[in-house]
N, C-alpha and C. Protein backbone atom coordinates (compact mmCIF):
# COMPACT_ATOMS: atom_id res chain seq x y z
N MET A 1 171.22 59.93 4.75
CA MET A 1 172.54 60.39 5.10
C MET A 1 173.53 60.02 4.00
N ASN A 2 174.01 58.83 3.89
CA ASN A 2 174.90 58.35 2.83
C ASN A 2 175.89 59.39 2.34
N ASN A 3 176.59 60.03 3.24
CA ASN A 3 177.56 61.05 2.86
C ASN A 3 178.84 60.41 2.37
N VAL A 4 179.13 60.62 1.10
CA VAL A 4 180.33 60.08 0.51
C VAL A 4 181.35 61.20 0.31
N ASP A 5 180.87 62.36 -0.04
CA ASP A 5 181.75 63.46 -0.42
C ASP A 5 182.27 64.30 0.73
N GLY A 6 181.60 64.29 1.86
CA GLY A 6 182.03 65.14 2.95
C GLY A 6 181.31 64.84 4.23
N PRO A 7 181.60 65.63 5.24
CA PRO A 7 181.01 65.41 6.55
C PRO A 7 179.49 65.53 6.53
N CYS A 8 178.86 64.82 7.44
CA CYS A 8 177.41 64.88 7.58
C CYS A 8 177.01 66.05 8.46
N GLU A 9 175.73 66.23 8.63
CA GLU A 9 175.24 67.33 9.47
C GLU A 9 175.52 67.10 10.95
N ASP A 10 175.80 65.86 11.35
CA ASP A 10 176.11 65.53 12.74
C ASP A 10 177.62 65.34 12.96
N HIS A 11 178.44 65.86 12.07
CA HIS A 11 179.88 65.59 12.10
C HIS A 11 180.54 65.93 13.43
N GLU A 12 180.29 67.10 13.96
CA GLU A 12 180.92 67.51 15.23
C GLU A 12 180.49 66.56 16.36
N LYS A 13 179.23 66.23 16.40
CA LYS A 13 178.72 65.30 17.41
C LYS A 13 179.39 63.93 17.24
N CYS A 14 179.52 63.49 16.01
CA CYS A 14 180.13 62.18 15.74
C CYS A 14 181.60 62.14 16.14
N ILE A 15 182.33 63.19 15.86
CA ILE A 15 183.74 63.24 16.27
C ILE A 15 183.86 63.12 17.78
N HIS A 16 183.00 63.84 18.49
CA HIS A 16 183.00 63.77 19.95
C HIS A 16 182.70 62.35 20.42
N ILE A 17 181.69 61.73 19.85
CA ILE A 17 181.31 60.38 20.25
C ILE A 17 182.38 59.36 19.86
N ILE A 18 183.01 59.54 18.71
CA ILE A 18 184.09 58.64 18.30
C ILE A 18 185.19 58.63 19.36
N ASN A 19 185.57 59.79 19.82
CA ASN A 19 186.61 59.87 20.85
C ASN A 19 186.16 59.19 22.14
N LEU A 20 184.90 59.39 22.51
CA LEU A 20 184.38 58.74 23.71
C LEU A 20 184.39 57.21 23.56
N ILE A 21 183.96 56.74 22.41
CA ILE A 21 183.90 55.29 22.17
C ILE A 21 185.30 54.68 22.20
N ILE A 22 186.23 55.29 21.51
CA ILE A 22 187.59 54.76 21.46
C ILE A 22 188.24 54.78 22.84
N ASP A 23 187.91 55.78 23.64
CA ASP A 23 188.46 55.88 25.00
C ASP A 23 187.68 55.03 26.01
N GLY A 24 186.59 54.39 25.54
CA GLY A 24 185.78 53.57 26.43
C GLY A 24 184.93 54.37 27.39
N GLU A 25 184.58 55.60 27.01
CA GLU A 25 183.84 56.49 27.90
C GLU A 25 182.44 56.84 27.40
N ALA A 26 182.02 56.29 26.28
CA ALA A 26 180.69 56.60 25.74
C ALA A 26 179.62 55.86 26.53
N ASN A 27 178.49 56.53 26.70
CA ASN A 27 177.38 55.85 27.36
C ASN A 27 176.57 55.08 26.32
N GLU A 28 175.61 54.33 26.77
CA GLU A 28 174.82 53.47 25.88
C GLU A 28 174.08 54.27 24.82
N GLU A 29 173.54 55.40 25.20
CA GLU A 29 172.80 56.24 24.25
C GLU A 29 173.72 56.76 23.14
N GLU A 30 174.92 57.19 23.50
CA GLU A 30 175.87 57.69 22.51
C GLU A 30 176.31 56.57 21.57
N GLU A 31 176.59 55.41 22.15
CA GLU A 31 176.99 54.27 21.32
C GLU A 31 175.89 53.87 20.35
N THR A 32 174.65 53.80 20.85
CA THR A 32 173.53 53.42 19.99
C THR A 32 173.37 54.42 18.85
N PHE A 33 173.40 55.72 19.18
CA PHE A 33 173.29 56.74 18.14
C PHE A 33 174.38 56.55 17.09
N PHE A 34 175.63 56.42 17.55
CA PHE A 34 176.74 56.39 16.62
C PHE A 34 176.75 55.14 15.75
N TYR A 35 176.57 53.96 16.36
CA TYR A 35 176.62 52.74 15.57
C TYR A 35 175.46 52.64 14.58
N THR A 36 174.34 53.24 14.92
CA THR A 36 173.23 53.32 13.98
C THR A 36 173.57 54.30 12.86
N HIS A 37 174.16 55.42 13.25
CA HIS A 37 174.53 56.47 12.30
C HIS A 37 175.53 55.98 11.25
N ILE A 38 176.56 55.25 11.67
CA ILE A 38 177.60 54.87 10.71
C ILE A 38 177.15 53.79 9.73
N GLN A 39 176.00 53.20 9.98
CA GLN A 39 175.46 52.25 9.00
C GLN A 39 175.06 52.97 7.72
N ASP A 40 174.72 54.26 7.85
CA ASP A 40 174.28 55.05 6.70
C ASP A 40 175.24 56.17 6.30
N CYS A 41 176.24 56.43 7.13
CA CYS A 41 177.14 57.56 6.86
C CYS A 41 178.56 57.05 6.61
N LEU A 42 178.92 56.96 5.36
CA LEU A 42 180.22 56.45 4.97
C LEU A 42 181.35 57.33 5.52
N HIS A 43 181.17 58.62 5.50
CA HIS A 43 182.21 59.54 5.98
C HIS A 43 182.53 59.28 7.44
N CYS A 44 181.53 59.20 8.29
CA CYS A 44 181.76 58.96 9.72
C CYS A 44 182.31 57.56 9.96
N SER A 45 181.84 56.60 9.19
CA SER A 45 182.34 55.23 9.32
C SER A 45 183.84 55.18 8.99
N GLN A 46 184.24 55.83 7.93
CA GLN A 46 185.65 55.85 7.54
C GLN A 46 186.49 56.62 8.57
N TYR A 47 185.95 57.71 9.06
CA TYR A 47 186.67 58.50 10.07
C TYR A 47 186.88 57.67 11.33
N TYR A 48 185.87 56.94 11.74
CA TYR A 48 185.96 56.07 12.92
C TYR A 48 187.03 55.01 12.74
N LYS A 49 187.05 54.36 11.59
CA LYS A 49 188.05 53.32 11.32
C LYS A 49 189.46 53.92 11.30
N LEU A 50 189.60 55.11 10.74
CA LEU A 50 190.90 55.77 10.72
C LEU A 50 191.37 56.08 12.13
N GLU A 51 190.50 56.64 12.95
CA GLU A 51 190.86 56.96 14.34
C GLU A 51 191.25 55.71 15.11
N GLN A 52 190.51 54.63 14.92
CA GLN A 52 190.85 53.37 15.58
C GLN A 52 192.24 52.91 15.16
N SER A 53 192.53 52.97 13.88
CA SER A 53 193.83 52.54 13.37
C SER A 53 194.97 53.38 13.92
N ILE A 54 194.77 54.68 13.96
CA ILE A 54 195.79 55.59 14.48
C ILE A 54 196.07 55.30 15.94
N ARG A 55 195.01 55.17 16.73
CA ARG A 55 195.19 54.92 18.17
C ARG A 55 195.84 53.56 18.43
N GLU A 56 195.49 52.57 17.64
CA GLU A 56 196.10 51.25 17.81
C GLU A 56 197.59 51.30 17.47
N ALA A 57 197.93 52.01 16.42
CA ALA A 57 199.35 52.15 16.04
C ALA A 57 200.13 52.86 17.15
N ILE A 58 199.54 53.88 17.73
CA ILE A 58 200.20 54.61 18.82
C ILE A 58 200.38 53.69 20.03
N ARG A 59 199.34 52.93 20.37
CA ARG A 59 199.45 52.01 21.51
C ARG A 59 200.58 51.01 21.31
N LYS A 60 200.71 50.50 20.11
CA LYS A 60 201.77 49.53 19.82
C LYS A 60 203.15 50.16 19.95
N LYS A 61 203.28 51.40 19.53
CA LYS A 61 204.56 52.09 19.61
C LYS A 61 204.94 52.47 21.04
N LEU A 62 203.93 52.64 21.89
CA LEU A 62 204.17 53.10 23.26
C LEU A 62 204.17 51.97 24.28
N GLU A 63 204.57 50.79 23.86
CA GLU A 63 204.59 49.69 24.80
C GLU A 63 205.57 49.99 25.93
N ILE A 64 205.25 49.53 27.12
CA ILE A 64 206.07 49.78 28.29
C ILE A 64 207.28 48.85 28.27
N LYS A 65 208.43 49.43 28.49
CA LYS A 65 209.67 48.65 28.52
C LYS A 65 210.30 48.81 29.90
N GLN A 66 210.84 47.73 30.40
CA GLN A 66 211.49 47.72 31.70
C GLN A 66 212.88 48.35 31.58
N ALA A 67 213.20 49.23 32.53
CA ALA A 67 214.54 49.81 32.57
C ALA A 67 215.53 48.75 33.02
N PRO A 68 216.77 48.84 32.58
CA PRO A 68 217.78 47.87 33.03
C PRO A 68 217.95 47.93 34.55
N GLU A 69 218.14 46.78 35.16
CA GLU A 69 218.23 46.69 36.62
C GLU A 69 219.36 47.54 37.18
N ASP A 70 220.51 47.58 36.49
CA ASP A 70 221.63 48.38 37.00
C ASP A 70 221.30 49.87 37.01
N LEU A 71 220.52 50.33 36.05
CA LEU A 71 220.09 51.73 36.03
C LEU A 71 219.13 52.00 37.19
N ILE A 72 218.22 51.09 37.44
CA ILE A 72 217.28 51.25 38.56
C ILE A 72 218.04 51.36 39.87
N GLN A 73 219.02 50.48 40.08
CA GLN A 73 219.80 50.49 41.32
C GLN A 73 220.61 51.79 41.45
N GLU A 74 221.17 52.25 40.34
CA GLU A 74 221.96 53.49 40.35
C GLU A 74 221.08 54.68 40.75
N VAL A 75 219.89 54.76 40.19
CA VAL A 75 218.98 55.86 40.51
C VAL A 75 218.56 55.78 41.97
N ARG A 76 218.24 54.59 42.44
CA ARG A 76 217.86 54.44 43.86
C ARG A 76 218.98 54.90 44.78
N GLN A 77 220.20 54.52 44.45
CA GLN A 77 221.34 54.90 45.28
C GLN A 77 221.52 56.41 45.29
N LYS A 78 221.38 57.05 44.13
CA LYS A 78 221.53 58.50 44.06
C LYS A 78 220.45 59.21 44.87
N VAL A 79 219.24 58.67 44.86
CA VAL A 79 218.17 59.25 45.66
C VAL A 79 218.49 59.10 47.14
N LYS A 80 218.93 57.93 47.54
CA LYS A 80 219.30 57.72 48.95
C LYS A 80 220.42 58.66 49.37
N ASP A 81 221.44 58.82 48.52
CA ASP A 81 222.56 59.72 48.80
C ASP A 81 222.09 61.17 48.94
N ALA A 82 221.19 61.58 48.06
CA ALA A 82 220.66 62.94 48.11
C ALA A 82 219.87 63.17 49.39
N ILE A 83 219.12 62.17 49.82
CA ILE A 83 218.34 62.29 51.07
C ILE A 83 219.28 62.40 52.27
N LYS A 84 220.34 61.61 52.27
CA LYS A 84 221.30 61.64 53.36
C LYS A 84 221.97 63.00 53.48
N LYS A 85 222.31 63.61 52.33
CA LYS A 85 222.96 64.91 52.32
C LYS A 85 222.06 65.98 52.91
N LYS A 86 220.75 65.88 52.70
CA LYS A 86 219.80 66.86 53.21
C LYS A 86 219.56 66.70 54.70
N SER A 87 219.78 65.50 55.23
CA SER A 87 219.52 65.23 56.64
C SER A 87 220.55 65.79 57.55
């Protein structure tokens, strides 16, 4: 395999498995195939590392932040008022 210049013959399969692995959805057979494969395929190994880095950066940017308490109370009150008007 040792693909340095471009994708390997299993590229489409590897992309699919990379996504499964990163999402935690790959089965044991897929993981075994892929981790064995990237030992010899530089292209897939680099692609996997890139995807991991991208997803980690996105996760860090999308951290959950708490809304201010006064905003939460205001929204709750507006919902209650809207329900009362419909009743």
